[in-house]
Amino acid sequence: MHMPSGLTLSTLERPWEGNTPEVSCIPEGVYICRRFNSPTYGETFIIEDVHGRTYILFHPGNGIENSKGCILIAQRHAIWDNALKIGDSRKGFEEFMSELEGVEEFELIISVYSPEYP
């Protein structure tokens, strides 16, 4: 995730499972994210109008087991226990929120990344 200031953070989501609540990442699309006060995670952003889904947040976490369909934010990607993880999630999340201080909403574009090979 590239922030306006050039800050680069790592994100992690669950794999695509047909948009099934609590087990799938969200579908490709353009979404509005609004500042939100979560009882679990405190001040964060919620992704609005995800078809068939509610309460999709940005929050810290190191592996997909820490997400029920939300987007996890951290400082870096890592592999441990033979799985893709993200590291320093609390620091990364704090940087994310600091960068968005004073911002009430932003647009999020979710797209599938398909690298082109020579």
PDB file of N, CA and C in Angstrom:
ATOM      1  N   MET A   1       0.860  -1.166   0.000  1.00  0.00           N
ATOM      2  CA  MET A   1       0.000   0.000   0.000  1.00  0.00           C
ATOM      3  C   MET A   1       0.902   1.224   0.000  1.00  0.00           C
ATOM      4  N   HIS A   2       0.738   2.086  -0.996  1.00  0.00           N
ATOM      5  CA  HIS A   2       1.520   3.319  -1.081  1.00  0.00           C
ATOM      6  C   HIS A   2       0.666   4.476  -0.601  1.00  0.00           C
ATOM      7  N   MET A   3       1.171   5.181   0.368  1.00  0.00           N
ATOM      8  CA  MET A   3       0.461   6.318   0.944  1.00  0.00           C
ATOM      9  C   MET A   3       0.889   7.586   0.200  1.00  0.00           C
ATOM     10  N   PRO A   4       0.094   8.653   0.303  1.00  0.00           N
ATOM     11  CA  PRO A   4       0.407   9.901  -0.411  1.00  0.00           C
ATOM     12  C   PRO A   4       1.808  10.441  -0.138  1.00  0.00           C
ATOM     13  N   SER A   5       2.339  10.245   1.054  1.00  0.00           N
ATOM     14  CA  SER A   5       3.653  10.790   1.384  1.00  0.00           C
ATOM     15  C   SER A   5       4.789   9.929   0.872  1.00  0.00           C
ATOM     16  N   GLY A   6       4.470   8.775   0.304  1.00  0.00           N
ATOM     17  CA  GLY A   6       5.501   7.854  -0.130  1.00  0.00           C
ATOM     18  C   GLY A   6       5.731   6.728   0.870  1.00  0.00           C
ATOM     19  N   LEU A   7       5.042   6.757   1.997  1.00  0.00           N
ATOM     20  CA  LEU A   7       5.136   5.692   2.980  1.00  0.00           C
ATOM     21  C   LEU A   7       4.652   4.387   2.348  1.00  0.00           C
ATOM     22  N   THR A   8       5.414   3.330   2.479  1.00  0.00           N
ATOM     23  CA  THR A   8       5.019   2.032   1.941  1.00  0.00           C
ATOM     24  C   THR A   8       4.811   1.064   3.089  1.00  0.00           C
ATOM     25  N   LEU A   9       3.637   0.438   3.113  1.00  0.00           N
ATOM     26  CA  LEU A   9       3.304  -0.542   4.135  1.00  0.00           C
ATOM     27  C   LEU A   9       2.915  -1.856   3.470  1.00  0.00           C
ATOM     28  N   SER A  10       2.928  -2.922   4.229  1.00  0.00           N
ATOM     29  CA  SER A  10       2.509  -4.228   3.732  1.00  0.00           C
ATOM     30  C   SER A  10       1.099  -4.522   4.216  1.00  0.00           C
ATOM     31  N   THR A  11       0.328  -5.186   3.366  1.00  0.00           N
ATOM     32  CA  THR A  11      -1.017  -5.610   3.747  1.00  0.00           C
ATOM     33  C   THR A  11      -1.145  -7.100   3.515  1.00  0.00           C
ATOM     34  N   LEU A  12      -2.113  -7.688   4.190  1.00  0.00           N
ATOM     35  CA  LEU A  12      -2.387  -9.116   4.026  1.00  0.00           C
ATOM     36  C   LEU A  12      -3.883  -9.319   4.178  1.00  0.00           C
ATOM     37  N   GLU A  13      -4.429 -10.118   3.275  1.00  0.00           N
ATOM     38  CA  GLU A  13      -5.841 -10.468   3.330  1.00  0.00           C
ATOM     39  C   GLU A  13      -5.978 -11.977   3.197  1.00  0.00           C
ATOM     40  N   ARG A  14      -7.144 -12.465   3.531  1.00  0.00           N
ATOM     41  CA  ARG A  14      -7.459 -13.863   3.299  1.00  0.00           C
ATOM     42  C   ARG A  14      -7.535 -14.114   1.796  1.00  0.00           C
ATOM     43  N   PRO A  15      -7.367 -15.364   1.353  1.00  0.00           N
ATOM     44  CA  PRO A  15      -7.516 -15.670  -0.075  1.00  0.00           C
ATOM     45  C   PRO A  15      -8.970 -15.541  -0.514  1.00  0.00           C
ATOM     46  N   TRP A  16      -9.170 -15.487  -1.827  1.00  0.00           N
ATOM     47  CA  TRP A  16     -10.522 -15.387  -2.374  1.00  0.00           C
ATOM     48  C   TRP A  16     -11.272 -16.690  -2.131  1.00  0.00           C
ATOM     49  N   GLU A  17     -12.402 -16.583  -1.465  1.00  0.00           N
ATOM     50  CA  GLU A  17     -13.278 -17.728  -1.187  1.00  0.00           C
ATOM     51  C   GLU A  17     -14.716 -17.346  -1.514  1.00  0.00           C
ATOM     52  N   GLY A  18     -14.911 -16.740  -2.690  1.00  0.00           N
ATOM     53  CA  GLY A  18     -16.248 -16.412  -3.157  1.00  0.00           C
ATOM     54  C   GLY A  18     -16.963 -15.329  -2.373  1.00  0.00           C
ATOM     55  N   ASN A  19     -16.211 -14.468  -1.706  1.00  0.00           N
ATOM     56  CA  ASN A  19     -16.768 -13.384  -0.891  1.00  0.00           C
ATOM     57  C   ASN A  19     -17.546 -13.900   0.320  1.00  0.00           C
ATOM     58  N   THR A  20     -17.247 -15.089   0.754  1.00  0.00           N
ATOM     59  CA  THR A  20     -17.911 -15.661   1.919  1.00  0.00           C
ATOM     60  C   THR A  20     -17.515 -14.879   3.171  1.00  0.00           C
ATOM     61  N   PRO A  21     -18.507 -14.363   3.920  1.00  0.00           N
ATOM     62  CA  PRO A  21     -18.186 -13.599   5.125  1.00  0.00           C
ATOM     63  C   PRO A  21     -17.276 -14.371   6.079  1.00  0.00           C
ATOM     64  N   GLU A  22     -16.302 -13.670   6.604  1.00  0.00           N
ATOM     65  CA  GLU A  22     -15.348 -14.126   7.615  1.00  0.00           C
ATOM     66  C   GLU A  22     -14.309 -15.118   7.111  1.00  0.00           C
ATOM     67  N   VAL A  23     -14.344 -15.517   5.832  1.00  0.00           N
ATOM     68  CA  VAL A  23     -13.318 -16.438   5.318  1.00  0.00           C
ATOM     69  C   VAL A  23     -12.680 -15.978   4.013  1.00  0.00           C
ATOM     70  N   SER A  24     -13.216 -14.918   3.386  1.00  0.00           N
ATOM     71  CA  SER A  24     -12.727 -14.477   2.084  1.00  0.00           C
ATOM     72  C   SER A  24     -12.258 -13.029   2.146  1.00  0.00           C
ATOM     73  N   CYS A  25     -11.327 -12.708   1.239  1.00  0.00           N
ATOM     74  CA  CYS A  25     -11.012 -11.297   1.020  1.00  0.00           C
ATOM     75  C   CYS A  25     -12.212 -10.660   0.328  1.00  0.00           C
ATOM     76  N   ILE A  26     -12.199  -9.355   0.202  1.00  0.00           N
ATOM     77  CA  ILE A  26     -13.323  -8.675  -0.446  1.00  0.00           C
ATOM     78  C   ILE A  26     -13.108  -8.669  -1.959  1.00  0.00           C
ATOM     79  N   PRO A  27     -14.205  -8.529  -2.723  1.00  0.00           N
ATOM     80  CA  PRO A  27     -14.077  -8.544  -4.189  1.00  0.00           C
ATOM     81  C   PRO A  27     -13.360  -7.310  -4.734  1.00  0.00           C
ATOM     82  N   GLU A  28     -12.861  -7.467  -5.959  1.00  0.00           N
ATOM     83  CA  GLU A  28     -12.295  -6.324  -6.660  1.00  0.00           C
ATOM     84  C   GLU A  28     -13.343  -5.222  -6.726  1.00  0.00           C
ATOM     85  N   GLY A  29     -12.887  -3.989  -6.671  1.00  0.00           N
ATOM     86  CA  GLY A  29     -13.818  -2.877  -6.773  1.00  0.00           C
ATOM     87  C   GLY A  29     -13.227  -1.606  -6.210  1.00  0.00           C
ATOM     88  N   VAL A  30     -14.020  -0.558  -6.250  1.00  0.00           N
ATOM     89  CA  VAL A  30     -13.651   0.742  -5.696  1.00  0.00           C
ATOM     90  C   VAL A  30     -14.549   0.974  -4.490  1.00  0.00           C
ATOM     91  N   TYR A  31     -13.937   1.277  -3.350  1.00  0.00           N
ATOM     92  CA  TYR A  31     -14.665   1.414  -2.096  1.00  0.00           C
ATOM     93  C   TYR A  31     -14.312   2.733  -1.425  1.00  0.00           C
ATOM     94  N   ILE A  32     -15.239   3.221  -0.613  1.00  0.00           N
ATOM     95  CA  ILE A  32     -14.967   4.369   0.256  1.00  0.00           C
ATOM     96  C   ILE A  32     -14.664   3.818   1.645  1.00  0.00           C
ATOM     97  N   CYS A  33     -13.581   4.315   2.224  1.00  0.00           N
ATOM     98  CA  CYS A  33     -13.187   3.937   3.585  1.00  0.00           C
ATOM     99  C   CYS A  33     -13.392   5.156   4.467  1.00  0.00           C
ATOM    100  N   ARG A  34     -14.089   4.975   5.575  1.00  0.00           N
ATOM    101  CA  ARG A  34     -14.385   6.082   6.496  1.00  0.00           C
ATOM    102  C   ARG A  34     -13.790   5.795   7.873  1.00  0.00           C
ATOM    103  N   ARG A  35     -13.380   6.874   8.511  1.00  0.00           N
ATOM    104  CA  ARG A  35     -12.867   6.767   9.877  1.00  0.00           C
ATOM    105  C   ARG A  35     -13.939   6.113  10.747  1.00  0.00           C
ATOM    106  N   PHE A  36     -13.515   5.228  11.637  1.00  0.00           N
ATOM    107  CA  PHE A  36     -14.448   4.416  12.413  1.00  0.00           C
ATOM    108  C   PHE A  36     -13.823   4.092  13.759  1.00  0.00           C
ATOM    109  N   ASN A  37     -14.632   4.102  14.809  1.00  0.00           N
ATOM    110  CA  ASN A  37     -14.148   3.735  16.138  1.00  0.00           C
ATOM    111  C   ASN A  37     -14.644   2.326  16.454  1.00  0.00           C
ATOM    112  N   SER A  38     -13.749   1.374  16.361  1.00  0.00           N
ATOM    113  CA  SER A  38     -14.070  -0.036  16.585  1.00  0.00           C
ATOM    114  C   SER A  38     -13.968  -0.379  18.063  1.00  0.00           C
ATOM    115  N   PRO A  39     -14.945  -1.114  18.598  1.00  0.00           N
ATOM    116  CA  PRO A  39     -14.838  -1.546  19.992  1.00  0.00           C
ATOM    117  C   PRO A  39     -13.617  -2.443  20.232  1.00  0.00           C
ATOM    118  N   THR A  40     -13.180  -3.163  19.200  1.00  0.00           N
ATOM    119  CA  THR A  40     -12.051  -4.088  19.338  1.00  0.00           C
ATOM    120  C   THR A  40     -10.712  -3.428  19.050  1.00  0.00           C
ATOM    121  N   TYR A  41     -10.638  -2.620  17.975  1.00  0.00           N
ATOM    122  CA  TYR A  41      -9.354  -2.096  17.501  1.00  0.00           C
ATOM    123  C   TYR A  41      -9.171  -0.605  17.729  1.00  0.00           C
ATOM    124  N   GLY A  42     -10.169   0.076  18.256  1.00  0.00           N
ATOM    125  CA  GLY A  42     -10.064   1.515  18.457  1.00  0.00           C
ATOM    126  C   GLY A  42     -10.240   2.260  17.144  1.00  0.00           C
ATOM    127  N   GLU A  43      -9.599   3.408  17.024  1.00  0.00           N
ATOM    128  CA  GLU A  43      -9.763   4.228  15.830  1.00  0.00           C
ATOM    129  C   GLU A  43      -9.100   3.559  14.632  1.00  0.00           C
ATOM    130  N   THR A  44      -9.861   3.435  13.555  1.00  0.00           N
ATOM    131  CA  THR A  44      -9.391   2.796  12.333  1.00  0.00           C
ATOM    132  C   THR A  44     -10.236   3.305  11.175  1.00  0.00           C
ATOM    133  N   PHE A  45     -10.253   2.573  10.079  1.00  0.00           N
ATOM    134  CA  PHE A  45     -11.110   2.870   8.944  1.00  0.00           C
ATOM    135  C   PHE A  45     -11.916   1.631   8.603  1.00  0.00           C
ATOM    136  N   ILE A  46     -13.178   1.849   8.227  1.00  0.00           N
ATOM    137  CA  ILE A  46     -14.074   0.784   7.807  1.00  0.00           C
ATOM    138  C   ILE A  46     -14.287   0.914   6.305  1.00  0.00           C
ATOM    139  N   ILE A  47     -14.338  -0.208   5.611  1.00  0.00           N
ATOM    140  CA  ILE A  47     -14.574  -0.224   4.173  1.00  0.00           C
ATOM    141  C   ILE A  47     -16.071  -0.373   3.970  1.00  0.00           C
ATOM    142  N   GLU A  48     -16.661   0.611   3.310  1.00  0.00           N
ATOM    143  CA  GLU A  48     -18.120   0.640   3.175  1.00  0.00           C
ATOM    144  C   GLU A  48     -18.600  -0.004   1.883  1.00  0.00           C
ATOM    145  N   ASP A  49     -19.859  -0.441   1.939  1.00  0.00           N
ATOM    146  CA  ASP A  49     -20.583  -0.947   0.766  1.00  0.00           C
ATOM    147  C   ASP A  49     -19.888  -2.115   0.071  1.00  0.00           C
ATOM    148  N   VAL A  50     -19.376  -3.058   0.862  1.00  0.00           N
ATOM    149  CA  VAL A  50     -18.851  -4.300   0.303  1.00  0.00           C
ATOM    150  C   VAL A  50     -20.045  -5.245   0.169  1.00  0.00           C
ATOM    151  N   HIS A  51     -20.379  -5.599  -1.051  1.00  0.00           N
ATOM    152  CA  HIS A  51     -21.568  -6.420  -1.312  1.00  0.00           C
ATOM    153  C   HIS A  51     -21.563  -7.702  -0.467  1.00  0.00           C
ATOM    154  N   GLY A  52     -22.643  -7.888   0.297  1.00  0.00           N
ATOM    155  CA  GLY A  52     -22.796  -9.098   1.095  1.00  0.00           C
ATOM    156  C   GLY A  52     -21.941  -9.169   2.343  1.00  0.00           C
ATOM    157  N   ARG A  53     -21.283  -8.059   2.683  1.00  0.00           N
ATOM    158  CA  ARG A  53     -20.350  -8.076   3.822  1.00  0.00           C
ATOM    159  C   ARG A  53     -20.548  -6.831   4.680  1.00  0.00           C
ATOM    160  N   THR A  54     -20.190  -6.933   5.934  1.00  0.00           N
ATOM    161  CA  THR A  54     -20.215  -5.792   6.843  1.00  0.00           C
ATOM    162  C   THR A  54     -18.968  -5.825   7.718  1.00  0.00           C
ATOM    163  N   TYR A  55     -18.677  -4.689   8.329  1.00  0.00           N
ATOM    164  CA  TYR A  55     -17.641  -4.559   9.351  1.00  0.00           C
ATOM    165  C   TYR A  55     -16.260  -4.999   8.855  1.00  0.00           C
ATOM    166  N   ILE A  56     -15.895  -4.570   7.632  1.00  0.00           N
ATOM    167  CA  ILE A  56     -14.572  -4.858   7.085  1.00  0.00           C
ATOM    168  C   ILE A  56     -13.661  -3.696   7.476  1.00  0.00           C
ATOM    169  N   LEU A  57     -12.648  -3.984   8.274  1.00  0.00           N
ATOM    170  CA  LEU A  57     -11.780  -2.956   8.840  1.00  0.00           C
ATOM    171  C   LEU A  57     -10.339  -3.110   8.393  1.00  0.00           C
ATOM    172  N   PHE A  58      -9.549  -2.058   8.589  1.00  0.00           N
ATOM    173  CA  PHE A  58      -8.094  -2.126   8.571  1.00  0.00           C
ATOM    174  C   PHE A  58      -7.680  -2.304  10.025  1.00  0.00           C
ATOM    175  N   HIS A  59      -6.799  -3.251  10.302  1.00  0.00           N
ATOM    176  CA  HIS A  59      -6.294  -3.407  11.673  1.00  0.00           C
ATOM    177  C   HIS A  59      -4.981  -4.175  11.677  1.00  0.00           C
ATOM    178  N   PRO A  60      -4.248  -4.151  12.798  1.00  0.00           N
ATOM    179  CA  PRO A  60      -3.002  -4.896  12.873  1.00  0.00           C
ATOM    180  C   PRO A  60      -3.265  -6.398  12.963  1.00  0.00           C
ATOM    181  N   GLY A  61      -2.282  -7.156  12.551  1.00  0.00           N
ATOM    182  CA  GLY A  61      -2.317  -8.615  12.631  1.00  0.00           C
ATOM    183  C   GLY A  61      -1.176  -9.154  11.796  1.00  0.00           C
ATOM    184  N   ASN A  62      -0.698 -10.345  12.118  1.00  0.00           N
ATOM    185  CA  ASN A  62       0.476 -10.887  11.436  1.00  0.00           C
ATOM    186  C   ASN A  62       0.179 -12.000  10.442  1.00  0.00           C
ATOM    187  N   GLY A  63      -0.997 -12.624  10.524  1.00  0.00           N
ATOM    188  CA  GLY A  63      -1.326 -13.710   9.608  1.00  0.00           C
ATOM    189  C   GLY A  63      -2.818 -13.753   9.358  1.00  0.00           C
ATOM    190  N   ILE A  64      -3.229 -14.500   8.326  1.00  0.00           N
ATOM    191  CA  ILE A  64      -4.643 -14.514   7.986  1.00  0.00           C
ATOM    192  C   ILE A  64      -5.508 -15.042   9.119  1.00  0.00           C
ATOM    193  N   GLU A  65      -4.912 -15.791  10.022  1.00  0.00           N
ATOM    194  CA  GLU A  65      -5.676 -16.251  11.179  1.00  0.00           C
ATOM    195  C   GLU A  65      -6.109 -15.100  12.087  1.00  0.00           C
ATOM    196  N   ASN A  66      -5.514 -13.905  11.885  1.00  0.00           N
ATOM    197  CA  ASN A  66      -5.881 -12.711  12.646  1.00  0.00           C
ATOM    198  C   ASN A  66      -6.967 -11.893  11.961  1.00  0.00           C
ATOM    199  N   SER A  67      -7.509 -12.402  10.855  1.00  0.00           N
ATOM    200  CA  SER A  67      -8.499 -11.657  10.087  1.00  0.00           C
ATOM    201  C   SER A  67      -9.721 -12.505   9.785  1.00  0.00           C
ATOM    202  N   LYS A  68     -10.873 -11.877   9.867  1.00  0.00           N
ATOM    203  CA  LYS A  68     -12.127 -12.500   9.437  1.00  0.00           C
ATOM    204  C   LYS A  68     -12.620 -11.750   8.202  1.00  0.00           C
ATOM    205  N   GLY A  69     -11.700 -11.505   7.272  1.00  0.00           N
ATOM    206  CA  GLY A  69     -12.037 -10.804   6.044  1.00  0.00           C
ATOM    207  C   GLY A  69     -11.569  -9.366   5.999  1.00  0.00           C
ATOM    208  N   CYS A  70     -10.937  -8.903   7.060  1.00  0.00           N
ATOM    209  CA  CYS A  70     -10.425  -7.531   7.115  1.00  0.00           C
ATOM    210  C   CYS A  70      -9.069  -7.445   6.416  1.00  0.00           C
ATOM    211  N   ILE A  71      -8.556  -6.223   6.299  1.00  0.00           N
ATOM    212  CA  ILE A  71      -7.235  -6.003   5.717  1.00  0.00           C
ATOM    213  C   ILE A  71      -6.256  -5.717   6.846  1.00  0.00           C
ATOM    214  N   LEU A  72      -5.247  -6.562   6.957  1.00  0.00           N
ATOM    215  CA  LEU A  72      -4.208  -6.399   7.974  1.00  0.00           C
ATOM    216  C   LEU A  72      -3.112  -5.485   7.430  1.00  0.00           C
ATOM    217  N   ILE A  73      -2.548  -4.665   8.289  1.00  0.00           N
ATOM    218  CA  ILE A  73      -1.494  -3.719   7.898  1.00  0.00           C
ATOM    219  C   ILE A  73      -0.281  -3.925   8.789  1.00  0.00           C
ATOM    220  N   ALA A  74       0.906  -3.872   8.165  1.00  0.00           N
ATOM    221  CA  ALA A  74       2.153  -4.012   8.913  1.00  0.00           C
ATOM    222  C   ALA A  74       3.275  -3.289   8.176  1.00  0.00           C
ATOM    223  N   GLN A  75       4.474  -3.374   8.723  1.00  0.00           N
ATOM    224  CA  GLN A  75       5.613  -2.709   8.099  1.00  0.00           C
ATOM    225  C   GLN A  75       6.270  -3.543   7.008  1.00  0.00           C
ATOM    226  N   ARG A  76       6.146  -4.873   7.075  1.00  0.00           N
ATOM    227  CA  ARG A  76       6.880  -5.693   6.112  1.00  0.00           C
ATOM    228  C   ARG A  76       6.229  -7.057   5.948  1.00  0.00           C
ATOM    229  N   HIS A  77       6.502  -7.696   4.812  1.00  0.00           N
ATOM    230  CA  HIS A  77       6.097  -9.081   4.603  1.00  0.00           C
ATOM    231  C   HIS A  77       7.184  -9.990   5.152  1.00  0.00           C
ATOM    232  N   ALA A  78       6.813 -11.184   5.557  1.00  0.00           N
ATOM    233  CA  ALA A  78       7.768 -12.148   6.098  1.00  0.00           C
ATOM    234  C   ALA A  78       7.208 -13.552   5.888  1.00  0.00           C
ATOM    235  N   ILE A  79       8.068 -14.522   5.987  1.00  0.00           N
ATOM    236  CA  ILE A  79       7.619 -15.912   5.947  1.00  0.00           C
ATOM    237  C   ILE A  79       8.153 -16.583   7.195  1.00  0.00           C
ATOM    238  N   TRP A  80       7.260 -17.164   7.973  1.00  0.00           N
ATOM    239  CA  TRP A  80       7.661 -18.010   9.076  1.00  0.00           C
ATOM    240  C   TRP A  80       6.606 -19.086   9.243  1.00  0.00           C
ATOM    241  N   ASP A  81       7.002 -20.179   9.830  1.00  0.00           N
ATOM    242  CA  ASP A  81       6.141 -21.363   9.927  1.00  0.00           C
ATOM    243  C   ASP A  81       5.610 -21.753   8.550  1.00  0.00           C
ATOM    244  N   ASN A  82       6.457 -21.583   7.509  1.00  0.00           N
ATOM    245  CA  ASN A  82       6.116 -21.933   6.125  1.00  0.00           C
ATOM    246  C   ASN A  82       4.871 -21.232   5.611  1.00  0.00           C
ATOM    247  N   ALA A  83       4.597 -20.033   6.100  1.00  0.00           N
ATOM    248  CA  ALA A  83       3.417 -19.289   5.653  1.00  0.00           C
ATOM    249  C   ALA A  83       3.789 -17.822   5.454  1.00  0.00           C
ATOM    250  N   LEU A  84       3.107 -17.192   4.510  1.00  0.00           N
ATOM    251  CA  LEU A  84       3.290 -15.758   4.307  1.00  0.00           C
ATOM    252  C   LEU A  84       2.648 -15.021   5.472  1.00  0.00           C
ATOM    253  N   LYS A  85       3.407 -14.156   6.065  1.00  0.00           N
ATOM    254  CA  LYS A  85       2.945 -13.347   7.202  1.00  0.00           C
ATOM    255  C   LYS A  85       3.351 -11.902   6.947  1.00  0.00           C
ATOM    256  N   ILE A  86       2.948 -11.026   7.839  1.00  0.00           N
ATOM    257  CA  ILE A  86       3.444  -9.658   7.836  1.00  0.00           C
ATOM    258  C   ILE A  86       3.975  -9.355   9.226  1.00  0.00           C
ATOM    259  N   GLY A  87       5.004  -8.522   9.288  1.00  0.00           N
ATOM    260  CA  GLY A  87       5.657  -8.269  10.560  1.00  0.00           C
ATOM    261  C   GLY A  87       5.559  -6.822  11.001  1.00  0.00           C
ATOM    262  N   ASP A  88       5.748  -6.629  12.281  1.00  0.00           N
ATOM    263  CA  ASP A  88       5.678  -5.302  12.898  1.00  0.00           C
ATOM    264  C   ASP A  88       4.337  -4.647  12.599  1.00  0.00           C
ATOM    265  N   SER A  89       3.263  -5.402  12.840  1.00  0.00           N
ATOM    266  CA  SER A  89       1.931  -4.922  12.469  1.00  0.00           C
ATOM    267  C   SER A  89       1.475  -3.730  13.300  1.00  0.00           C
ATOM    268  N   ARG A  90       1.753  -3.725  14.572  1.00  0.00           N
ATOM    269  CA  ARG A  90       1.308  -2.583  15.380  1.00  0.00           C
ATOM    270  C   ARG A  90       2.002  -1.292  14.928  1.00  0.00           C
ATOM    271  N   LYS A  91       3.301  -1.381  14.664  1.00  0.00           N
ATOM    272  CA  LYS A  91       4.029  -0.197  14.188  1.00  0.00           C
ATOM    273  C   LYS A  91       3.503   0.234  12.830  1.00  0.00           C
ATOM    274  N   GLY A  92       3.279  -0.715  11.935  1.00  0.00           N
ATOM    275  CA  GLY A  92       2.754  -0.392  10.613  1.00  0.00           C
ATOM    276  C   GLY A  92       1.375   0.242  10.692  1.00  0.00           C
ATOM    277  N   PHE A  93       0.525  -0.308  11.546  1.00  0.00           N
ATOM    278  CA  PHE A  93      -0.817   0.246  11.702  1.00  0.00           C
ATOM    279  C   PHE A  93      -0.749   1.660  12.277  1.00  0.00           C
ATOM    280  N   GLU A  94       0.134   1.890  13.251  1.00  0.00           N
ATOM    281  CA  GLU A  94       0.305   3.234  13.812  1.00  0.00           C
ATOM    282  C   GLU A  94       0.765   4.217  12.740  1.00  0.00           C
ATOM    283  N   GLU A  95       1.676   3.786  11.855  1.00  0.00           N
ATOM    284  CA  GLU A  95       2.131   4.650  10.764  1.00  0.00           C
ATOM    285  C   GLU A  95       0.978   4.963   9.805  1.00  0.00           C
ATOM    286  N   PHE A  96       0.167   3.959   9.499  1.00  0.00           N
ATOM    287  CA  PHE A  96      -1.006   4.116   8.639  1.00  0.00           C
ATOM    288  C   PHE A  96      -1.942   5.175   9.218  1.00  0.00           C
ATOM    289  N   MET A  97      -2.274   5.040  10.498  1.00  0.00           N
ATOM    290  CA  MET A  97      -3.197   5.984  11.128  1.00  0.00           C
ATOM    291  C   MET A  97      -2.571   7.375  11.249  1.00  0.00           C
ATOM    292  N   SER A  98      -1.281   7.458  11.525  1.00  0.00           N
ATOM    293  CA  SER A  98      -0.598   8.741  11.623  1.00  0.00           C
ATOM    294  C   SER A  98      -0.612   9.455  10.267  1.00  0.00           C
ATOM    295  N   GLU A  99      -0.372   8.701   9.201  1.00  0.00           N
ATOM    296  CA  GLU A  99      -0.366   9.275   7.857  1.00  0.00           C
ATOM    297  C   GLU A  99      -1.743   9.818   7.488  1.00  0.00           C
ATOM    298  N   LEU A 100      -2.795   9.208   8.013  1.00  0.00           N
ATOM    299  CA  LEU A 100      -4.161   9.608   7.689  1.00  0.00           C
ATOM    300  C   LEU A 100      -4.782  10.514   8.757  1.00  0.00           C
ATOM    301  N   GLU A 101      -3.938  11.084   9.615  1.00  0.00           N
ATOM    302  CA  GLU A 101      -4.448  12.010  10.627  1.00  0.00           C
ATOM    303  C   GLU A 101      -5.181  13.153   9.945  1.00  0.00           C
ATOM    304  N   GLY A 102      -6.396  13.443  10.399  1.00  0.00           N
ATOM    305  CA  GLY A 102      -7.195  14.512   9.829  1.00  0.00           C
ATOM    306  C   GLY A 102      -7.993  14.097   8.600  1.00  0.00           C
ATOM    307  N   VAL A 103      -7.774  12.893   8.091  1.00  0.00           N
ATOM    308  CA  VAL A 103      -8.505  12.390   6.934  1.00  0.00           C
ATOM    309  C   VAL A 103      -9.726  11.632   7.445  1.00  0.00           C
ATOM    310  N   GLU A 104     -10.887  11.966   6.945  1.00  0.00           N
ATOM    311  CA  GLU A 104     -12.119  11.296   7.370  1.00  0.00           C
ATOM    312  C   GLU A 104     -12.519  10.158   6.447  1.00  0.00           C
ATOM    313  N   GLU A 105     -12.118  10.242   5.177  1.00  0.00           N
ATOM    314  CA  GLU A 105     -12.438   9.164   4.243  1.00  0.00           C
ATOM    315  C   GLU A 105     -11.434   9.162   3.098  1.00  0.00           C
ATOM    316  N   PHE A 106     -11.293   8.003   2.462  1.00  0.00           N
ATOM    317  CA  PHE A 106     -10.442   7.889   1.283  1.00  0.00           C
ATOM    318  C   PHE A 106     -10.994   6.789   0.385  1.00  0.00           C
ATOM    319  N   GLU A 107     -10.551   6.795  -0.858  1.00  0.00           N
ATOM    320  CA  GLU A 107     -10.971   5.803  -1.829  1.00  0.00           C
ATOM    321  C   GLU A 107      -9.958   4.660  -1.863  1.00  0.00           C
ATOM    322  N   LEU A 108     -10.461   3.443  -1.881  1.00  0.00           N
ATOM    323  CA  LEU A 108      -9.633   2.242  -1.933  1.00  0.00           C
ATOM    324  C   LEU A 108      -9.979   1.489  -3.207  1.00  0.00           C
ATOM    325  N   ILE A 109      -8.956   1.148  -3.993  1.00  0.00           N
ATOM    326  CA  ILE A 109      -9.158   0.352  -5.197  1.00  0.00           C
ATOM    327  C   ILE A 109      -8.543  -1.017  -4.954  1.00  0.00           C
ATOM    328  N   ILE A 110      -9.365  -2.054  -5.031  1.00  0.00           N
ATOM    329  CA  ILE A 110      -8.911  -3.434  -4.881  1.00  0.00           C
ATOM    330  C   ILE A 110      -8.874  -4.042  -6.277  1.00  0.00           C
ATOM    331  N   SER A 111      -7.712  -4.533  -6.681  1.00  0.00           N
ATOM    332  CA  SER A 111      -7.582  -5.186  -7.978  1.00  0.00           C
ATOM    333  C   SER A 111      -6.666  -6.396  -7.830  1.00  0.00           C
ATOM    334  N   VAL A 112      -6.830  -7.324  -8.725  1.00  0.00           N
ATOM    335  CA  VAL A 112      -5.995  -8.513  -8.729  1.00  0.00           C
ATOM    336  C   VAL A 112      -4.678  -8.149  -9.426  1.00  0.00           C
ATOM    337  N   TYR A 113      -3.602  -8.496  -8.791  1.00  0.00           N
ATOM    338  CA  TYR A 113      -2.281  -8.236  -9.357  1.00  0.00           C
ATOM    339  C   TYR A 113      -1.872  -9.429 -10.193  1.00  0.00           C
ATOM    340  N   SER A 114      -1.636  -9.194 -11.466  1.00  0.00           N
ATOM    341  CA  SER A 114      -1.173 -10.237 -12.380  1.00  0.00           C
ATOM    342  C   SER A 114       0.118  -9.781 -13.020  1.00  0.00           C
ATOM    343  N   PRO A 115       1.241 -10.253 -12.505  1.00  0.00           N
ATOM    344  CA  PRO A 115       2.513  -9.795 -13.066  1.00  0.00           C
ATOM    345  C   PRO A 115       2.682 -10.279 -14.502  1.00  0.00           C
ATOM    346  N   GLU A 116       3.316  -9.435 -15.296  1.00  0.00           N
ATOM    347  CA  GLU A 116       3.614  -9.829 -16.670  1.00  0.00           C
ATOM    348  C   GLU A 116       5.049 -10.359 -16.693  1.00  0.00           C
ATOM    349  N   TYR A 117       5.209 -11.478 -17.357  1.00  0.00           N
ATOM    350  CA  TYR A 117       6.520 -12.085 -17.462  1.00  0.00           C
ATOM    351  C   TYR A 117       7.041 -11.903 -18.888  1.00  0.00           C
ATOM    352  N   PRO A 118       8.345 -11.694 -19.022  1.00  0.00           N
ATOM    353  CA  PRO A 118       8.916 -11.493 -20.379  1.00  0.00           C
ATOM    354  C   PRO A 118       8.731 -12.688 -21.287  1.00  0.00           C
TER     355      PRO A 118
END
